[in-house]
Amino acid sequence: MSRPHGYARYRLDGCRCYTCGWARSRYEENRTKALIAGTWEPWVDAEPVRVHVRYLQSCEMGLRAIAARAGVDRKRLQAVLNGRPERGTPPQKTMRPDTAAAVLAVEPTLENLAPNTPISPLGTRRRARALVAVGWPQQHLAVHLGMDPGNFGTMLNREHVLARRALAVRAMYDALWRADPADHGASLGGIARARAYAADRGWAPPGAWDDDALDNPEAHPDWTGQCGTVQGFWAHRYITAPACPPCRDAFNADGRKRSAQGPGKAG
């Protein structure tokens, strides 16, 4: 595949079209200005890029996907990581600043992962369960995703979920969390059964989750607005919901503190 028209094609392929000539003149103009200002930096250390690429790979991003997202040639990344074994050259020590910046800007988001990449099911599980908690029958959610209803529950219990499925569930959650299931064909009985099913299992509704907490393994749902405190424990009693782990921990810790203080010393 030929290079796009620009400075690289002017230098490497000898193209002298208007676009390539203009790119070359802009490059020379910017280079001259930078030399005068003392800011000319044609090369930067490749080590930060090497570390970042390896981090992205540890997040299940393939080198081809990383290169595509950064808009660079995959062979350039291979040279940074491993050098050119066929030529006997070691890993590249320096690289162009714009290439380095493009690679460092790539993040391992769901959108950047290959569709069939297996990832943690945590965020997918929390979103689906939250929808059930507000009355969405699981068979309705399965139909929304184009899945067989029997496979929906299986998906929520797997150790991994595919990136494309996680994206689909995230889009479904964004579309349905404020919608009334009854407006989408769910019966009143089905809604009641879904809510009861979720309540029996302690599944948190959307209102208990901040958007940035849904995918965070360290986060817990905040059912009461005070979860993680003794007040939160009693708030659970008030709304007749089982105390969440942070509230139980806070309540038990307070009880141990009071016991250690002895009678009449609690303040």
Protein backbone atom coordinates (compact mmCIF):
# COMPACT_ATOMS: atom_id res chain seq x y z
CA MET A 1 0.00 0.00 0.00
CA SER A 2 1.41 3.39 -0.99
CA ARG A 3 2.07 6.10 1.52
CA PRO A 4 -0.36 9.03 1.74
CA HIS A 5 0.83 12.19 0.06
CA GLY A 6 2.96 14.31 2.36
CA TYR A 7 6.51 14.87 3.56
CA ALA A 8 7.31 11.16 3.95
CA ARG A 9 6.22 10.40 0.41
CA TYR A 10 8.24 13.38 -0.88
CA ARG A 11 11.40 12.13 0.84
CA LEU A 12 11.02 8.36 0.53
CA ASP A 13 9.09 7.89 -2.70
CA GLY A 14 10.26 10.91 -4.66
CA CYS A 15 6.73 12.19 -5.28
CA ARG A 16 6.76 15.81 -6.46
CA CYS A 17 3.04 16.52 -6.57
CA TYR A 18 1.67 19.76 -5.15
CA THR A 19 0.61 18.16 -1.83
CA CYS A 20 3.99 16.52 -1.22
CA GLY A 21 5.86 19.68 -2.25
CA TRP A 22 3.75 21.82 0.07
CA ALA A 23 4.33 19.37 2.95
CA ARG A 24 8.07 19.51 2.33
CA SER A 25 8.09 23.33 2.33
CA ARG A 26 6.07 23.42 5.56
CA TYR A 27 8.51 20.98 7.16
CA GLU A 28 11.49 23.09 6.16
CA GLU A 29 9.81 26.27 7.36
CA ASN A 30 8.98 24.78 10.76
CA ARG A 31 12.46 23.28 11.05
CA THR A 32 14.10 26.64 10.34
CA LYS A 33 11.93 28.39 12.93
CA ALA A 34 12.71 25.72 15.53
CA LEU A 35 16.46 25.92 14.82
CA ILE A 36 16.39 29.70 15.30
CA ALA A 37 14.40 29.32 18.52
CA GLY A 38 16.67 26.54 19.79
CA THR A 39 13.75 24.10 20.07
CA TRP A 40 14.58 21.81 17.18
CA GLU A 41 14.17 18.22 18.38
CA PRO A 42 14.16 15.83 15.43
CA TRP A 43 14.50 12.71 17.60
CA VAL A 44 13.24 11.62 21.02
CA ASP A 45 13.96 8.65 23.27
CA ALA A 46 12.03 5.56 22.14
CA GLU A 47 12.01 3.90 25.58
CA PRO A 48 8.75 5.55 26.84
CA VAL A 49 7.04 4.40 23.64
CA ARG A 50 8.43 0.89 24.06
CA VAL A 51 7.09 0.73 27.63
CA HIS A 52 3.69 2.07 26.54
CA VAL A 53 3.35 -0.41 23.69
CA ARG A 54 4.13 -3.29 26.04
CA TYR A 55 1.52 -1.94 28.47
CA LEU A 56 -1.06 -1.85 25.66
CA GLN A 57 -0.13 -5.40 24.71
CA SER A 58 -0.63 -6.50 28.31
CA CYS A 59 -4.15 -5.05 27.99
CA GLU A 60 -4.79 -7.43 25.07
CA MET A 61 -4.18 -4.89 22.29
CA GLY A 62 -2.33 -6.41 19.36
CA LEU A 63 0.50 -4.60 17.61
CA ARG A 64 -1.59 -4.24 14.45
CA ALA A 65 -4.41 -2.58 16.40
CA ILE A 66 -1.98 -0.25 18.19
CA ALA A 67 -0.39 0.81 14.91
CA ALA A 68 -3.79 1.39 13.30
CA ARG A 69 -5.01 3.56 16.20
CA ALA A 70 -1.78 5.57 16.20
CA GLY A 71 -1.78 5.90 12.42
CA VAL A 72 1.75 4.55 12.07
CA ASP A 73 3.31 1.65 10.19
CA ARG A 74 3.31 -1.58 12.23
CA LYS A 75 6.92 -2.23 11.18
CA ARG A 76 7.95 0.98 12.98
CA LEU A 77 6.56 -0.37 16.22
CA GLN A 78 8.25 -3.71 15.61
CA ALA A 79 11.55 -1.85 15.18
CA VAL A 80 10.99 -0.03 18.47
CA LEU A 81 10.18 -3.25 20.32
CA ASN A 82 12.51 -5.79 18.78
CA GLY A 83 14.65 -4.06 16.21
CA ARG A 84 15.01 -5.67 12.78
CA PRO A 85 16.31 -9.22 13.41
CA GLU A 86 16.49 -9.89 9.67
CA ARG A 87 18.96 -7.02 9.42
CA GLY A 88 20.69 -7.73 12.69
CA THR A 89 19.70 -4.33 14.15
CA PRO A 90 18.79 -3.89 17.84
CA PRO A 91 15.62 -2.18 19.13
CA GLN A 92 15.37 1.41 17.96
CA LYS A 93 16.71 3.92 20.49
CA THR A 94 15.18 7.10 19.08
CA MET A 95 12.19 8.05 16.97
CA ARG A 96 10.38 11.04 15.54
CA PRO A 97 8.48 13.16 18.11
CA ASP A 98 5.20 13.11 16.18
CA THR A 99 5.30 9.31 15.90
CA ALA A 100 6.08 8.96 19.60
CA ALA A 101 3.24 11.32 20.53
CA ALA A 102 0.77 9.41 18.34
CA VAL A 103 1.63 6.08 19.96
CA LEU A 104 1.63 7.46 23.50
CA ALA A 105 -1.87 8.87 22.89
CA VAL A 106 -3.33 5.38 22.32
CA GLU A 107 -5.24 4.06 25.34
CA PRO A 108 -6.56 0.52 25.94
CA THR A 109 -10.23 1.53 25.78
CA LEU A 110 -12.94 -0.88 24.72
CA GLU A 111 -13.19 0.90 21.39
CA ASN A 112 -9.49 0.28 20.73
CA LEU A 113 -9.54 -3.43 21.52
CA ALA A 114 -10.08 -6.04 18.87
CA PRO A 115 -13.78 -7.13 18.93
CA ASN A 116 -13.04 -10.69 20.05
CA THR A 117 -10.59 -9.72 22.80
CA PRO A 118 -11.56 -11.40 26.11
CA ILE A 119 -11.77 -8.91 28.97
CA SER A 120 -13.02 -8.76 32.55
CA PRO A 121 -16.81 -9.18 32.75
CA LEU A 122 -17.13 -6.86 35.75
CA GLY A 123 -18.57 -3.76 34.06
CA THR A 124 -20.77 -5.84 31.76
CA ARG A 125 -22.11 -7.81 34.71
CA ARG A 126 -22.83 -4.72 36.80
CA ARG A 127 -24.65 -2.94 33.97
CA ALA A 128 -26.83 -5.92 33.10
CA ARG A 129 -27.67 -6.62 36.73
CA ALA A 130 -28.51 -2.97 37.34
CA LEU A 131 -31.03 -3.06 34.50
CA VAL A 132 -32.62 -6.21 35.95
CA ALA A 133 -32.78 -4.44 39.34
CA VAL A 134 -35.03 -1.72 37.89
CA GLY A 135 -37.35 -4.24 36.29
CA TRP A 136 -35.88 -5.27 32.95
CA PRO A 137 -36.59 -9.00 32.44
CA GLN A 138 -33.49 -10.82 31.31
CA GLN A 139 -35.20 -12.15 28.20
CA HIS A 140 -35.90 -8.56 27.09
CA LEU A 141 -32.25 -7.64 27.55
CA ALA A 142 -31.18 -10.73 25.63
CA VAL A 143 -33.43 -9.78 22.71
CA HIS A 144 -32.04 -6.23 22.78
CA LEU A 145 -28.56 -7.71 22.36
CA GLY A 146 -29.64 -10.17 19.69
CA MET A 147 -28.86 -13.09 22.01
CA ASP A 148 -30.66 -16.28 22.86
CA PRO A 149 -32.28 -15.70 26.30
CA GLY A 150 -30.68 -18.88 27.58
CA ASN A 151 -27.22 -17.49 26.85
CA PHE A 152 -27.75 -14.20 28.66
CA GLY A 153 -27.38 -15.57 32.18
CA THR A 154 -24.44 -17.70 31.05
CA MET A 155 -22.69 -14.57 29.75
CA LEU A 156 -23.01 -12.89 33.16
CA ASN A 157 -21.34 -15.81 34.92
CA ARG A 158 -18.36 -16.28 32.61
CA GLU A 159 -14.83 -15.40 33.65
CA HIS A 160 -14.39 -13.26 30.54
CA VAL A 161 -16.56 -11.41 28.06
CA LEU A 162 -15.66 -10.36 24.53
CA ALA A 163 -14.91 -6.67 23.98
CA ARG A 164 -17.66 -6.38 21.35
CA ARG A 165 -20.19 -7.81 23.80
CA ALA A 166 -19.05 -5.43 26.53
CA LEU A 167 -19.52 -2.51 24.12
CA ALA A 168 -23.00 -3.73 23.22
CA VAL A 169 -24.02 -4.05 26.87
CA ARG A 170 -22.62 -0.60 27.64
CA ALA A 171 -24.67 0.89 24.79
CA MET A 172 -27.75 -0.99 25.98
CA TYR A 173 -27.27 0.29 29.53
CA ASP A 174 -26.90 3.89 28.34
CA ALA A 175 -30.11 3.53 26.32
CA LEU A 176 -32.27 1.74 28.91
CA TRP A 177 -31.27 2.68 32.43
CA ARG A 178 -33.76 5.57 32.58
CA ALA A 179 -36.42 3.91 30.39
CA ASP A 180 -39.56 2.23 31.69
CA PRO A 181 -39.57 -1.49 30.83
CA ALA A 182 -43.36 -1.34 30.51
CA ASP A 183 -42.99 1.10 27.61
CA HIS A 184 -40.91 -1.52 25.80
CA GLY A 185 -43.25 -4.47 26.10
CA ALA A 186 -42.40 -5.87 29.52
CA SER A 187 -45.44 -7.05 31.51
CA LEU A 188 -46.08 -5.78 35.04
CA GLY A 189 -45.57 -9.32 36.29
CA GLY A 190 -42.27 -9.65 34.43
CA ILE A 191 -41.05 -6.34 35.84
CA ALA A 192 -41.97 -7.37 39.38
CA ARG A 193 -40.24 -10.73 38.99
CA ALA A 194 -37.09 -9.09 37.63
CA ARG A 195 -36.92 -6.69 40.55
CA ALA A 196 -37.50 -9.46 43.07
CA TYR A 197 -34.87 -11.65 41.40
CA ALA A 198 -32.30 -8.83 41.61
CA ALA A 199 -33.26 -7.93 45.20
CA ASP A 200 -32.79 -11.53 46.34
CA ARG A 201 -29.24 -11.43 44.95
CA GLY A 202 -28.34 -7.96 46.15
CA TRP A 203 -27.92 -6.52 42.64
CA ALA A 204 -27.53 -2.75 42.73
CA PRO A 205 -29.71 -0.51 40.51
CA PRO A 206 -28.28 2.21 38.26
CA GLY A 207 -28.89 4.88 40.89
CA ALA A 208 -26.35 3.20 43.17
CA TRP A 209 -23.57 3.49 40.61
CA ASP A 210 -21.51 6.42 39.36
CA ASP A 211 -20.68 5.96 35.68
CA ASP A 212 -16.94 5.94 36.36
CA ALA A 213 -17.35 3.28 39.08
CA LEU A 214 -19.04 0.60 36.99
CA ASP A 215 -15.76 -0.74 35.59
CA ASN A 216 -13.66 -0.10 38.69
CA PRO A 217 -12.88 -3.32 40.62
CA GLU A 218 -12.29 -1.29 43.79
CA ALA A 219 -15.67 0.49 43.64
CA HIS A 220 -18.85 -0.50 45.44
CA PRO A 221 -22.41 0.65 44.77
CA ASP A 222 -23.64 3.49 46.97
CA TRP A 223 -27.21 2.49 47.77
CA THR A 224 -27.90 5.18 50.36
CA GLY A 225 -25.66 8.13 49.62
CA GLN A 226 -23.81 7.26 52.86
CA CYS A 227 -22.52 3.78 52.08
CA GLY A 228 -19.30 2.90 53.83
CA THR A 229 -20.41 4.55 57.08
CA VAL A 230 -22.44 3.53 60.15
CA GLN A 231 -25.14 5.94 58.99
CA GLY A 232 -25.22 4.05 55.71
CA PHE A 233 -25.78 0.79 57.58
CA TRP A 234 -28.89 2.19 59.27
CA ALA A 235 -30.02 3.79 56.02
CA HIS A 236 -30.10 0.31 54.50
CA ARG A 237 -32.47 -0.73 57.28
CA TYR A 238 -34.65 2.29 56.57
CA ILE A 239 -35.02 1.42 52.88
CA THR A 240 -35.37 -2.30 53.76
CA ALA A 241 -32.38 -3.31 51.67
CA PRO A 242 -29.60 -5.66 52.83
CA ALA A 243 -26.53 -3.78 54.03
CA CYS A 244 -23.77 -3.64 51.45
CA PRO A 245 -20.26 -4.90 52.37
CA PRO A 246 -18.79 -1.41 53.02
CA CYS A 247 -21.69 -0.56 55.37
CA ARG A 248 -21.40 -3.89 57.20
CA ASP A 249 -17.66 -3.35 57.57
CA ALA A 250 -18.21 0.17 58.94
CA PHE A 251 -20.87 -1.06 61.38
CA ASN A 252 -18.71 -3.96 62.62
CA ALA A 253 -15.65 -1.71 62.97
CA ASP A 254 -17.71 0.75 65.02
CA GLY A 255 -18.92 -2.09 67.22
CA ARG A 256 -15.36 -3.27 67.87
CA LYS A 257 -14.31 0.28 68.68
CA ARG A 258 -17.11 0.69 71.18
CA SER A 259 -16.30 -2.64 72.81
CA ALA A 260 -12.65 -1.67 73.17
CA GLN A 261 -13.60 1.64 74.77
CA GLY A 262 -15.67 -0.13 77.39
CA PRO A 263 -19.00 0.84 79.01
CA GLY A 264 -19.65 4.58 79.21
CA LYS A 265 -16.61 5.56 77.12
CA ALA A 266 -18.17 5.68 73.68
CA GLY A 267 -18.38 9.23 72.41
